[in-house]
Amino acid sequence: MKILPRFLCLLLMLGLVFSQASCTKEKSEALKVAAQTFSSDANDAVKKVRELFLADVSSPEESVSDQEAKVAADINSLGTGKLNAELLSEMVKGPTPANPASDAVNKQFELLGRAYGSFASMYESLPKGYLFAKDAVKNSEKYSINLTVQLVNIANGIKAHPFTFRGRRILLIDKINRARQITDQNQRDATLAPLIEQVVQLRLDEKKANDEAILLCLKAAESGKRISELIRDYDKLSLGDILSLTSDALGFVSQISNNNPDIEGLLKKYTGIRDTIKNDPYWSPMLDKEIIGSGGNK
C-alpha cells in the first residue's frame, strides 16, 4: 500500500522538475529573441549612420547634363579670349571624382556592426543549453550595457554635429554662383528661383535623415536597455515577466513611428538613462571607457 503513494509522489516531483525545466527553456528562447531584436535594431542604426557619414565626406557625382552645362558656361566665360590647350585640359579633366570615406573609417563601421552581431550570436545555442543558461547570460551582460550606452552617445553626437549631404551642397553652390553671374536680371532671377527651392529642400532632407538616424539609435538603445534588464534579473524573472518587459518596448516603437516624434524629448530621456547607468553602482563597473568614448564622434 505504501508503494503507490511513493510512486505518485515521485511522479509529482518529476513533473515539477520537467515543468521548471520547460519554463527555463522557454525563458532562454525568449531572451534569445530579445537579443536578436537588439542586434537587428542596432545594425539598422549603424547602417544609417554609415550611409550619412559617406554622404558627409563624399564629393559630388555630376550628371552628364550638368557636366555639359558646366563646359558650356566655361566656354562662354572666355568672352573674346581664345581656348588654349591648358583650358581645354581642365575641361576634359571634368569633375573631381567622388571620395568615399577612408578604408580605416569603413573598417570602424564594419567592426561596430560586427559587435552587435556578435552579441546576438552569444545566444544562438542558449535554448539548447538552458539548464546552464544562467552563467552564459551573465557573461553577456557587460556587452549589452556597453553597446546600449554607445548607441545613446552616437545619437547625441549626431544631434550636436549633424551630417550633411556634401555632394549636393557643392553642386548647389556651383550652380548658384554661376546663376549669379548672369547679367540679365530676369534670366538670373528665373535661374535662381528653382535653386532656392533646392536649398530649402536640401535643408529639409538633411534634417529628416539626421532625425531618422537618431531615432534608429534610440530605438536600438531601448532594445539594449530591455535586454540588459532581462540579463540582470534573468534568474528572478518568470517567462511572463520576460515577455512583458519585451512587449513594453513596442510602446516606444509606436511612439517614434508617428509623424512628429519629439527628438529633443527622446534624446533627453535616453541621455538621462545613460547617465543613470554610468552612476549606477551595479552597471558602472561594467562600462568600458574606450567603447563609450567612441560613440558619436565624426
Protein backbone atom coordinates (compact mmCIF):
# COMPACT_ATOMS: atom_id res chain seq x y z
CA MET A 1 0.00 0.00 0.00
CA LYS A 2 2.94 2.35 0.64
CA ILE A 3 4.42 1.76 -2.80
CA LEU A 4 1.64 3.60 -4.67
CA PRO A 5 1.80 6.83 -2.65
CA ARG A 6 5.58 6.86 -3.02
CA PHE A 7 5.24 6.30 -6.75
CA LEU A 8 2.71 9.11 -7.05
CA CYS A 9 4.97 11.37 -5.05
CA LEU A 10 7.87 10.57 -7.37
CA LEU A 11 5.74 11.32 -10.42
CA LEU A 12 4.73 14.67 -8.93
CA MET A 13 8.35 15.53 -8.20
CA LEU A 14 9.45 14.58 -11.71
CA GLY A 15 6.57 16.53 -13.18
CA LEU A 16 7.64 19.59 -11.23
CA VAL A 17 11.26 19.26 -12.37
CA PHE A 18 10.34 18.88 -16.01
CA SER A 19 7.83 21.72 -15.77
CA GLN A 20 10.51 24.03 -14.37
CA ALA A 21 12.99 22.87 -16.98
CA SER A 22 10.49 23.56 -19.76
CA CYS A 23 9.87 27.04 -18.40
CA THR A 24 13.63 27.68 -18.24
CA LYS A 25 13.99 26.62 -21.85
CA GLU A 26 11.20 28.96 -22.86
CA LYS A 27 12.88 31.77 -20.91
CA SER A 28 16.09 31.10 -22.81
CA GLU A 29 14.24 31.18 -26.10
CA ALA A 30 12.53 34.47 -25.18
CA LEU A 31 15.87 36.00 -24.21
CA LYS A 32 17.40 34.83 -27.47
CA VAL A 33 14.64 36.61 -29.42
CA ALA A 34 15.24 39.80 -27.40
CA ALA A 35 18.98 39.61 -28.17
CA GLN A 36 18.30 39.15 -31.88
CA THR A 37 15.93 42.12 -31.84
CA PHE A 38 18.61 44.28 -30.23
CA SER A 39 21.18 43.16 -32.80
CA SER A 40 18.81 43.84 -35.71
CA ASP A 41 17.82 47.29 -34.41
CA ALA A 42 21.45 48.21 -33.76
CA ASN A 43 22.56 47.12 -37.22
CA ASP A 44 19.81 49.23 -38.80
CA ALA A 45 21.13 52.21 -36.85
CA VAL A 46 24.77 51.55 -37.79
CA LYS A 47 23.90 51.20 -41.48
CA LYS A 48 22.04 54.50 -41.45
CA VAL A 49 24.86 56.33 -39.66
CA ARG A 50 27.42 54.88 -42.07
CA GLU A 51 25.26 55.99 -45.03
CA LEU A 52 25.13 59.54 -43.65
CA PHE A 53 28.84 59.57 -42.91
CA LEU A 54 29.64 58.67 -46.51
CA ALA A 55 27.27 61.39 -47.76
CA ASP A 56 29.01 63.84 -45.43
CA VAL A 57 32.53 63.20 -46.73
CA SER A 58 31.98 62.30 -50.39
CA SER A 59 32.40 64.66 -53.32
CA PRO A 60 29.51 65.11 -55.77
CA GLU A 61 28.90 62.94 -58.79
CA GLU A 62 27.68 65.24 -61.55
CA SER A 63 25.24 64.08 -64.18
CA VAL A 64 26.23 64.26 -67.87
CA SER A 65 23.82 67.16 -68.43
CA ASP A 66 25.36 69.07 -65.52
CA GLN A 67 28.85 68.46 -66.91
CA GLU A 68 27.76 69.68 -70.37
CA ALA A 69 26.21 72.81 -68.86
CA LYS A 70 29.38 73.49 -66.92
CA VAL A 71 31.59 73.12 -70.02
CA ALA A 72 29.26 75.42 -71.97
CA ALA A 73 29.45 78.03 -69.20
CA ASP A 74 33.24 77.77 -69.14
CA ILE A 75 33.40 78.33 -72.89
CA ASN A 76 31.01 81.28 -72.73
CA SER A 77 33.02 82.79 -69.90
CA LEU A 78 36.03 83.09 -72.24
CA GLY A 79 34.39 86.07 -73.93
CA THR A 80 36.64 87.27 -76.71
CA GLY A 81 39.54 85.18 -75.43
CA LYS A 82 40.73 82.05 -77.18
CA LEU A 83 40.56 78.50 -75.91
CA ASN A 84 44.04 77.12 -75.37
CA ALA A 85 45.40 73.66 -74.59
CA GLU A 86 45.62 74.32 -70.86
CA LEU A 87 41.98 75.43 -70.54
CA LEU A 88 40.80 72.53 -72.69
CA SER A 89 42.77 70.15 -70.48
CA GLU A 90 40.89 71.46 -67.45
CA MET A 91 37.56 70.99 -69.24
CA VAL A 92 38.44 67.44 -70.31
CA LYS A 93 39.56 66.57 -66.77
CA GLY A 94 35.98 67.04 -65.66
CA PRO A 95 34.63 66.99 -62.11
CA THR A 96 36.61 65.68 -59.18
CA PRO A 97 35.71 62.01 -58.63
CA ALA A 98 33.77 61.09 -55.52
CA ASN A 99 35.92 60.47 -52.46
CA PRO A 100 34.40 57.85 -50.18
CA ALA A 101 35.38 57.63 -46.53
CA SER A 102 38.79 56.19 -45.91
CA ASP A 103 39.26 52.45 -45.54
CA ALA A 104 40.03 52.98 -41.86
CA VAL A 105 36.65 54.64 -41.25
CA ASN A 106 34.78 51.99 -43.23
CA LYS A 107 36.55 49.37 -41.19
CA GLN A 108 35.38 51.03 -37.97
CA PHE A 109 31.78 50.81 -39.12
CA GLU A 110 32.27 47.16 -40.01
CA LEU A 111 33.68 46.47 -36.56
CA LEU A 112 30.81 48.35 -34.95
CA GLY A 113 28.19 46.35 -36.83
CA ARG A 114 30.06 43.14 -36.07
CA ALA A 115 29.98 43.92 -32.34
CA TYR A 116 26.18 43.96 -32.29
CA GLY A 117 26.01 40.82 -34.41
CA SER A 118 28.47 39.05 -32.11
CA PHE A 119 26.28 39.88 -29.12
CA ALA A 120 23.28 38.15 -30.72
CA SER A 121 25.41 35.14 -31.67
CA MET A 122 26.14 34.55 -27.97
CA TYR A 123 22.52 33.46 -27.63
CA GLU A 124 22.27 31.16 -30.65
CA SER A 125 22.72 27.95 -28.66
CA LEU A 126 21.30 29.24 -25.40
CA PRO A 127 17.93 27.39 -25.57
CA LYS A 128 19.72 24.08 -26.21
CA GLY A 129 21.80 24.50 -23.06
CA TYR A 130 19.09 26.14 -21.00
CA LEU A 131 20.00 24.23 -17.83
CA PHE A 132 23.31 26.13 -17.84
CA ALA A 133 21.84 29.40 -19.14
CA LYS A 134 22.31 31.49 -16.01
CA ASP A 135 26.10 31.75 -16.29
CA ALA A 136 26.05 32.23 -20.06
CA VAL A 137 23.57 35.05 -19.73
CA LYS A 138 25.58 36.84 -17.06
CA ASN A 139 28.73 36.66 -19.21
CA SER A 140 26.99 38.70 -21.93
CA GLU A 141 25.87 41.44 -19.55
CA LYS A 142 28.90 43.70 -20.00
CA TYR A 143 28.46 43.73 -23.76
CA SER A 144 24.78 44.65 -23.74
CA ILE A 145 25.16 47.58 -21.36
CA ASN A 146 28.21 48.99 -23.18
CA LEU A 147 26.57 48.73 -26.60
CA THR A 148 23.42 50.38 -25.26
CA VAL A 149 25.33 53.36 -23.85
CA GLN A 150 27.26 53.64 -27.09
CA LEU A 151 24.04 54.00 -29.11
CA VAL A 152 22.87 56.87 -26.92
CA ASN A 153 26.27 58.54 -27.38
CA ILE A 154 26.02 58.21 -31.15
CA ALA A 155 22.52 59.73 -31.15
CA ASN A 156 23.75 62.70 -29.12
CA GLY A 157 26.75 63.06 -31.40
CA ILE A 158 24.51 63.32 -34.47
CA LYS A 159 22.35 65.94 -32.76
CA ALA A 160 25.40 68.01 -31.77
CA HIS A 161 27.11 67.65 -35.17
CA PRO A 162 24.51 66.79 -37.84
CA PHE A 163 25.63 65.10 -41.03
CA THR A 164 25.34 66.97 -44.32
CA PHE A 165 24.83 65.90 -47.92
CA ARG A 166 28.15 67.34 -49.00
CA GLY A 167 27.87 66.41 -52.67
CA ARG A 168 24.51 68.11 -53.10
CA ARG A 169 25.80 71.18 -51.28
CA ILE A 170 28.84 71.54 -53.55
CA LEU A 171 26.72 71.22 -56.70
CA LEU A 172 24.23 73.80 -55.42
CA ILE A 173 27.00 76.26 -54.54
CA ASP A 174 28.42 75.92 -58.04
CA LYS A 175 25.02 76.35 -59.72
CA ILE A 176 24.11 79.36 -57.58
CA ASN A 177 27.44 81.07 -58.23
CA ARG A 178 27.05 80.54 -61.98
CA ALA A 179 23.45 81.82 -61.89
CA ARG A 180 24.55 84.97 -60.08
CA GLN A 181 26.96 85.75 -62.93
CA ILE A 182 24.09 86.06 -65.42
CA THR A 183 23.86 89.72 -66.36
CA ASP A 184 20.20 89.77 -67.43
CA GLN A 185 18.20 90.21 -64.19
CA ASN A 186 15.06 88.44 -65.39
CA GLN A 187 17.05 85.44 -66.60
CA ARG A 188 19.12 85.47 -63.41
CA ASP A 189 16.02 85.52 -61.19
CA ALA A 190 14.41 82.75 -63.24
CA THR A 191 17.56 80.61 -62.92
CA LEU A 192 17.92 81.25 -59.19
CA ALA A 193 14.28 80.52 -58.28
CA PRO A 194 14.46 76.70 -58.58
CA LEU A 195 17.89 76.71 -56.95
CA ILE A 196 16.46 78.50 -53.91
CA GLU A 197 13.81 75.79 -53.70
CA GLN A 198 16.57 73.18 -53.84
CA VAL A 199 18.37 74.87 -50.92
CA VAL A 200 15.23 74.66 -48.78
CA GLN A 201 14.63 71.06 -49.85
CA LEU A 202 18.23 70.16 -49.02
CA ARG A 203 17.78 71.60 -45.53
CA LEU A 204 14.63 69.50 -45.02
CA ASP A 205 16.24 66.34 -46.43
CA GLU A 206 19.30 66.67 -44.18
CA LYS A 207 17.15 67.20 -41.09
CA LYS A 208 14.93 64.25 -41.95
CA ALA A 209 17.93 61.96 -42.48
CA ASN A 210 19.63 63.01 -39.23
CA ASP A 211 16.39 62.67 -37.26
CA GLU A 212 15.88 59.20 -38.71
CA ALA A 213 19.39 58.16 -37.69
CA ILE A 214 18.86 59.48 -34.15
CA LEU A 215 15.56 57.62 -33.82
CA LEU A 216 17.10 54.38 -35.08
CA CYS A 217 19.88 54.72 -32.49
CA LEU A 218 17.38 55.36 -29.70
CA LYS A 219 15.14 52.51 -30.84
CA ALA A 220 18.15 50.19 -30.64
CA ALA A 221 19.11 51.70 -27.26
CA GLU A 222 15.63 50.85 -25.98
CA SER A 223 16.09 47.25 -27.13
CA GLY A 224 19.52 47.21 -25.47
CA LYS A 225 18.16 48.64 -22.22
CA ARG A 226 15.44 46.00 -22.13
CA ILE A 227 17.76 43.07 -22.70
CA SER A 228 20.24 44.45 -20.17
CA GLU A 229 17.44 44.46 -17.60
CA LEU A 230 16.48 40.92 -18.61
CA ILE A 231 20.08 39.77 -18.23
CA ARG A 232 20.46 41.42 -14.83
CA ASP A 233 17.29 39.84 -13.42
CA TYR A 234 17.23 36.67 -15.53
CA ASP A 235 17.32 34.21 -12.63
CA LYS A 236 14.50 36.08 -10.86
CA LEU A 237 12.14 36.61 -13.78
CA SER A 238 9.41 34.28 -14.92
CA LEU A 239 8.64 33.68 -18.58
CA GLY A 240 5.69 36.02 -18.22
CA ASP A 241 7.94 38.75 -16.82
CA ILE A 242 10.33 38.42 -19.75
CA LEU A 243 7.55 38.57 -22.31
CA SER A 244 6.02 41.56 -20.56
CA LEU A 245 9.29 43.50 -20.49
CA THR A 246 9.91 42.66 -24.14
CA SER A 247 6.44 43.76 -25.24
CA ASP A 248 6.77 47.04 -23.36
CA ALA A 249 9.43 48.06 -25.86
CA LEU A 250 6.77 48.03 -28.58
CA GLY A 251 5.28 51.13 -26.99
CA PHE A 252 8.46 53.02 -27.76
CA VAL A 253 8.41 51.85 -31.39
CA SER A 254 4.85 53.18 -31.64
CA GLN A 255 5.94 56.46 -30.06
CA ILE A 256 8.65 57.12 -32.64
CA SER A 257 6.53 55.93 -35.58
CA ASN A 258 4.22 58.92 -35.54
CA ASN A 259 4.70 61.79 -37.97
CA ASN A 260 6.24 64.22 -35.50
CA PRO A 261 8.37 62.41 -32.92
CA ASP A 262 9.80 64.60 -30.17
CA ILE A 263 13.52 64.25 -30.95
CA GLU A 264 14.61 66.64 -28.21
CA GLY A 265 12.44 64.92 -25.60
CA LEU A 266 13.59 61.44 -26.59
CA LEU A 267 17.26 62.46 -26.53
CA LYS A 268 16.79 63.98 -23.09
CA LYS A 269 15.09 60.80 -21.87
CA TYR A 270 17.80 58.43 -23.10
CA THR A 271 20.64 60.71 -22.10
CA GLY A 272 19.16 60.53 -18.60
CA ILE A 273 19.05 56.74 -18.83
CA ARG A 274 22.68 56.69 -19.98
CA ASP A 275 23.76 58.92 -17.10
CA THR A 276 21.84 56.75 -14.63
CA ILE A 277 23.69 53.70 -15.97
CA LYS A 278 27.04 55.46 -15.62
CA ASN A 279 26.31 56.34 -11.99
CA ASP A 280 24.63 53.09 -11.04
CA PRO A 281 26.76 51.01 -8.63
CA TYR A 282 25.64 47.82 -10.41
CA TRP A 283 26.20 48.95 -14.02
CA SER A 284 29.09 51.41 -13.81
CA PRO A 285 31.84 48.83 -13.06
CA MET A 286 30.93 47.05 -16.32
CA LEU A 287 31.34 50.08 -18.54
CA ASP A 288 34.24 50.08 -20.96
CA LYS A 289 35.51 53.65 -21.16
CA GLU A 290 37.10 53.10 -24.57
CA ILE A 291 33.86 51.80 -26.09
CA ILE A 292 31.76 54.57 -24.55
CA GLY A 293 34.16 57.29 -25.64
CA SER A 294 33.95 56.26 -29.30
CA GLY A 295 30.26 56.97 -29.63
CA GLY A 296 29.12 59.93 -31.66
CA ASN A 297 32.49 61.10 -32.92
CA LYS A 298 32.80 62.06 -36.53
